[in-house]
Amino acid sequence: MTLAPGMRARILTMVEREDTAVRVGSGDVPVLATPRLLALVERATVQAVGDDLDPGQTSVGTKVALEHLAASPVGAHVEITAELVEVEGRRLLFAFTARDRETVVATGTVERVVVDRERFLAGLGR
């Protein structure tokens, strides 16, 4: 496993009705829901390092700090960029930014931990 700060991924998505707070149940307005935004951010963090993990390894989310700063209506194009900023053993820290054109929609950090996939799944049956 060779993970190093600077690894990045970018996701571009268009906000659909299924992505709105109304549809996911996190509010009653037709804008990009915070839980949906978080899922996209986590996807970007997974993509940033996924190809560089050893066979049998994966990463799991452990901590999130997200500031949702601006609303994105249906039809808006949101670009999420996640960058690995710190590697401490198995712990990975990512910084992210989400933008709708020039507007910063969200910023924050995501912490993930690299785990052995089989051992992790075996622990679920406790």
C-alpha atoms as a PDB file:
ATOM      1  CA  MET A   1       0.000   0.000   0.000  1.00  0.00           C
ATOM      2  CA  THR A   2       1.493   3.306  -1.077  1.00  0.00           C
ATOM      3  CA  LEU A   3      -0.809   6.065   0.034  1.00  0.00           C
ATOM      4  CA  ALA A   4       0.516   9.593   0.247  1.00  0.00           C
ATOM      5  CA  PRO A   5      -0.846  13.099   0.688  1.00  0.00           C
ATOM      6  CA  GLY A   6      -1.861  14.674  -2.584  1.00  0.00           C
ATOM      7  CA  MET A   7      -3.919  11.766  -3.912  1.00  0.00           C
ATOM      8  CA  ARG A   8      -7.220  13.153  -5.184  1.00  0.00           C
ATOM      9  CA  ALA A   9     -10.484  12.395  -6.869  1.00  0.00           C
ATOM     10  CA  ARG A  10     -13.130  14.566  -8.459  1.00  0.00           C
ATOM     11  CA  ILE A  11     -16.810  13.827  -8.940  1.00  0.00           C
ATOM     12  CA  LEU A  12     -19.127  15.924 -11.066  1.00  0.00           C
ATOM     13  CA  THR A  13     -22.839  15.392 -10.606  1.00  0.00           C
ATOM     14  CA  MET A  14     -26.070  17.080 -11.562  1.00  0.00           C
ATOM     15  CA  VAL A  15     -28.603  17.469  -8.768  1.00  0.00           C
ATOM     16  CA  GLU A  16     -31.657  15.327  -9.539  1.00  0.00           C
ATOM     17  CA  ARG A  17     -35.000  15.243  -7.734  1.00  0.00           C
ATOM     18  CA  GLU A  18     -33.878  12.012  -6.016  1.00  0.00           C
ATOM     19  CA  ASP A  19     -30.958  13.953  -4.453  1.00  0.00           C
ATOM     20  CA  THR A  20     -33.136  16.551  -2.718  1.00  0.00           C
ATOM     21  CA  ALA A  21     -33.843  16.985   0.964  1.00  0.00           C
ATOM     22  CA  VAL A  22     -37.532  16.373   0.234  1.00  0.00           C
ATOM     23  CA  ARG A  23     -36.811  12.953  -1.303  1.00  0.00           C
ATOM     24  CA  VAL A  24     -34.253  11.706   1.232  1.00  0.00           C
ATOM     25  CA  GLY A  25     -36.258  12.961   4.204  1.00  0.00           C
ATOM     26  CA  SER A  26     -33.700  15.391   5.603  1.00  0.00           C
ATOM     27  CA  GLY A  27     -35.814  18.492   5.012  1.00  0.00           C
ATOM     28  CA  ASP A  28     -38.701  19.881   3.029  1.00  0.00           C
ATOM     29  CA  VAL A  29     -36.979  21.900   0.313  1.00  0.00           C
ATOM     30  CA  PRO A  30     -36.041  20.758  -3.207  1.00  0.00           C
ATOM     31  CA  VAL A  31     -32.275  21.301  -2.938  1.00  0.00           C
ATOM     32  CA  LEU A  32     -29.284  18.961  -2.645  1.00  0.00           C
ATOM     33  CA  ALA A  33     -29.703  17.116   0.637  1.00  0.00           C
ATOM     34  CA  THR A  34     -26.806  17.141   3.069  1.00  0.00           C
ATOM     35  CA  PRO A  35     -26.875  13.315   3.440  1.00  0.00           C
ATOM     36  CA  ARG A  36     -26.675  12.964  -0.354  1.00  0.00           C
ATOM     37  CA  LEU A  37     -23.816  15.470  -0.493  1.00  0.00           C
ATOM     38  CA  LEU A  38     -21.981  13.482   2.177  1.00  0.00           C
ATOM     39  CA  ALA A  39     -22.439  10.257   0.206  1.00  0.00           C
ATOM     40  CA  LEU A  40     -20.887  11.916  -2.852  1.00  0.00           C
ATOM     41  CA  VAL A  41     -17.996  13.227  -0.762  1.00  0.00           C
ATOM     42  CA  GLU A  42     -17.357   9.768   0.664  1.00  0.00           C
ATOM     43  CA  ARG A  43     -17.440   8.289  -2.840  1.00  0.00           C
ATOM     44  CA  ALA A  44     -14.722  10.759  -3.848  1.00  0.00           C
ATOM     45  CA  THR A  45     -12.547   9.766  -0.869  1.00  0.00           C
ATOM     46  CA  VAL A  46     -12.935   6.080  -1.752  1.00  0.00           C
ATOM     47  CA  GLN A  47     -12.003   6.778  -5.373  1.00  0.00           C
ATOM     48  CA  ALA A  48      -8.967   8.835  -4.365  1.00  0.00           C
ATOM     49  CA  VAL A  49      -7.194   5.836  -2.810  1.00  0.00           C
ATOM     50  CA  GLY A  50      -9.123   2.758  -3.952  1.00  0.00           C
ATOM     51  CA  ASP A  51      -6.725   1.680  -6.697  1.00  0.00           C
ATOM     52  CA  ASP A  52      -3.715   2.001  -4.398  1.00  0.00           C
ATOM     53  CA  LEU A  53      -4.887  -0.216  -1.537  1.00  0.00           C
ATOM     54  CA  ASP A  54      -3.410  -3.691  -1.226  1.00  0.00           C
ATOM     55  CA  PRO A  55      -5.564  -6.623  -2.403  1.00  0.00           C
ATOM     56  CA  GLY A  56      -8.113  -7.495   0.290  1.00  0.00           C
ATOM     57  CA  GLN A  57      -8.041  -4.016   1.810  1.00  0.00           C
ATOM     58  CA  THR A  58     -10.719  -1.360   1.849  1.00  0.00           C
ATOM     59  CA  SER A  59     -11.314   1.828   3.804  1.00  0.00           C
ATOM     60  CA  VAL A  60     -14.179   2.668   6.112  1.00  0.00           C
ATOM     61  CA  GLY A  61     -15.381   6.069   7.213  1.00  0.00           C
ATOM     62  CA  THR A  62     -14.867   6.961  10.873  1.00  0.00           C
ATOM     63  CA  LYS A  63     -15.339  10.724  11.209  1.00  0.00           C
ATOM     64  CA  VAL A  64     -16.813  13.587   9.180  1.00  0.00           C
ATOM     65  CA  ALA A  65     -16.831  17.367   9.561  1.00  0.00           C
ATOM     66  CA  LEU A  66     -19.037  18.964   6.910  1.00  0.00           C
ATOM     67  CA  GLU A  67     -20.131  22.569   6.511  1.00  0.00           C
ATOM     68  CA  HIS A  68     -22.984  22.805   4.012  1.00  0.00           C
ATOM     69  CA  LEU A  69     -22.687  26.465   3.034  1.00  0.00           C
ATOM     70  CA  ALA A  70     -24.989  26.982   0.039  1.00  0.00           C
ATOM     71  CA  ALA A  71     -28.064  25.390  -1.481  1.00  0.00           C
ATOM     72  CA  SER A  72     -27.912  23.655  -4.869  1.00  0.00           C
ATOM     73  CA  PRO A  73     -31.247  23.375  -6.716  1.00  0.00           C
ATOM     74  CA  VAL A  74     -32.325  20.589  -9.039  1.00  0.00           C
ATOM     75  CA  GLY A  75     -30.330  20.906 -12.254  1.00  0.00           C
ATOM     76  CA  ALA A  76     -27.249  22.417 -10.601  1.00  0.00           C
ATOM     77  CA  HIS A  77     -23.893  20.871 -11.477  1.00  0.00           C
ATOM     78  CA  VAL A  78     -21.862  20.205  -8.329  1.00  0.00           C
ATOM     79  CA  GLU A  79     -18.184  19.298  -8.436  1.00  0.00           C
ATOM     80  CA  ILE A  80     -16.698  17.546  -5.400  1.00  0.00           C
ATOM     81  CA  THR A  81     -12.944  17.354  -4.983  1.00  0.00           C
ATOM     82  CA  ALA A  82     -11.408  15.238  -2.218  1.00  0.00           C
ATOM     83  CA  GLU A  83      -7.697  15.224  -1.436  1.00  0.00           C
ATOM     84  CA  LEU A  84      -5.763  12.988   0.912  1.00  0.00           C
ATOM     85  CA  VAL A  85      -3.980  15.413   3.235  1.00  0.00           C
ATOM     86  CA  GLU A  86      -2.635  13.156   5.983  1.00  0.00           C
ATOM     87  CA  VAL A  87      -1.628   9.510   6.357  1.00  0.00           C
ATOM     88  CA  GLU A  88      -0.948   8.205   9.859  1.00  0.00           C
ATOM     89  CA  GLY A  89      -0.570   4.431   9.787  1.00  0.00           C
ATOM     90  CA  ARG A  90      -3.965   3.098   8.687  1.00  0.00           C
ATOM     91  CA  ARG A  91      -5.696   6.448   9.327  1.00  0.00           C
ATOM     92  CA  LEU A  92      -6.408   8.643   6.286  1.00  0.00           C
ATOM     93  CA  LEU A  93      -7.544  12.251   6.483  1.00  0.00           C
ATOM     94  CA  PHE A  94      -9.144  13.909   3.459  1.00  0.00           C
ATOM     95  CA  ALA A  95     -10.098  17.535   2.863  1.00  0.00           C
ATOM     96  CA  PHE A  96     -12.926  18.230   0.443  1.00  0.00           C
ATOM     97  CA  THR A  97     -14.639  21.069  -1.331  1.00  0.00           C
ATOM     98  CA  ALA A  98     -17.920  21.014  -3.233  1.00  0.00           C
ATOM     99  CA  ARG A  99     -18.638  23.773  -5.745  1.00  0.00           C
ATOM    100  CA  ASP A 100     -21.588  24.820  -7.872  1.00  0.00           C
ATOM    101  CA  ARG A 101     -19.796  26.869 -10.530  1.00  0.00           C
ATOM    102  CA  GLU A 102     -17.953  29.551  -8.517  1.00  0.00           C
ATOM    103  CA  THR A 103     -19.987  29.074  -5.346  1.00  0.00           C
ATOM    104  CA  VAL A 104     -18.504  26.934  -2.583  1.00  0.00           C
ATOM    105  CA  VAL A 105     -21.336  24.614  -1.576  1.00  0.00           C
ATOM    106  CA  ALA A 106     -19.527  22.701   1.169  1.00  0.00           C
ATOM    107  CA  THR A 107     -16.139  22.118   2.765  1.00  0.00           C
ATOM    108  CA  GLY A 108     -14.846  19.779   5.402  1.00  0.00           C
ATOM    109  CA  THR A 109     -12.854  16.707   6.240  1.00  0.00           C
ATOM    110  CA  VAL A 110     -13.412  12.963   6.168  1.00  0.00           C
ATOM    111  CA  GLU A 111     -11.419  10.453   8.159  1.00  0.00           C
ATOM    112  CA  ARG A 112     -11.171   6.872   6.931  1.00  0.00           C
ATOM    113  CA  VAL A 113      -9.298   3.842   8.214  1.00  0.00           C
ATOM    114  CA  VAL A 114      -7.780   1.125   6.047  1.00  0.00           C
ATOM    115  CA  VAL A 115      -9.002  -2.329   7.077  1.00  0.00           C
ATOM    116  CA  ASP A 116      -8.761  -5.908   5.915  1.00  0.00           C
ATOM    117  CA  ARG A 117     -12.129  -6.451   4.198  1.00  0.00           C
ATOM    118  CA  GLU A 118     -12.652 -10.091   5.319  1.00  0.00           C
ATOM    119  CA  ARG A 119     -11.640  -9.457   8.931  1.00  0.00           C
ATOM    120  CA  PHE A 120     -13.877  -6.377   9.042  1.00  0.00           C
ATOM    121  CA  LEU A 121     -16.880  -8.289   7.697  1.00  0.00           C
ATOM    122  CA  ALA A 122     -16.213 -11.249   9.994  1.00  0.00           C
ATOM    123  CA  GLY A 123     -16.447  -8.890  12.965  1.00  0.00           C
ATOM    124  CA  LEU A 124     -20.016  -7.972  12.061  1.00  0.00           C
ATOM    125  CA  GLY A 125     -21.369 -11.319  13.232  1.00  0.00           C
ATOM    126  CA  ARG A 126     -20.423 -10.792  16.897  1.00  0.00           C
END
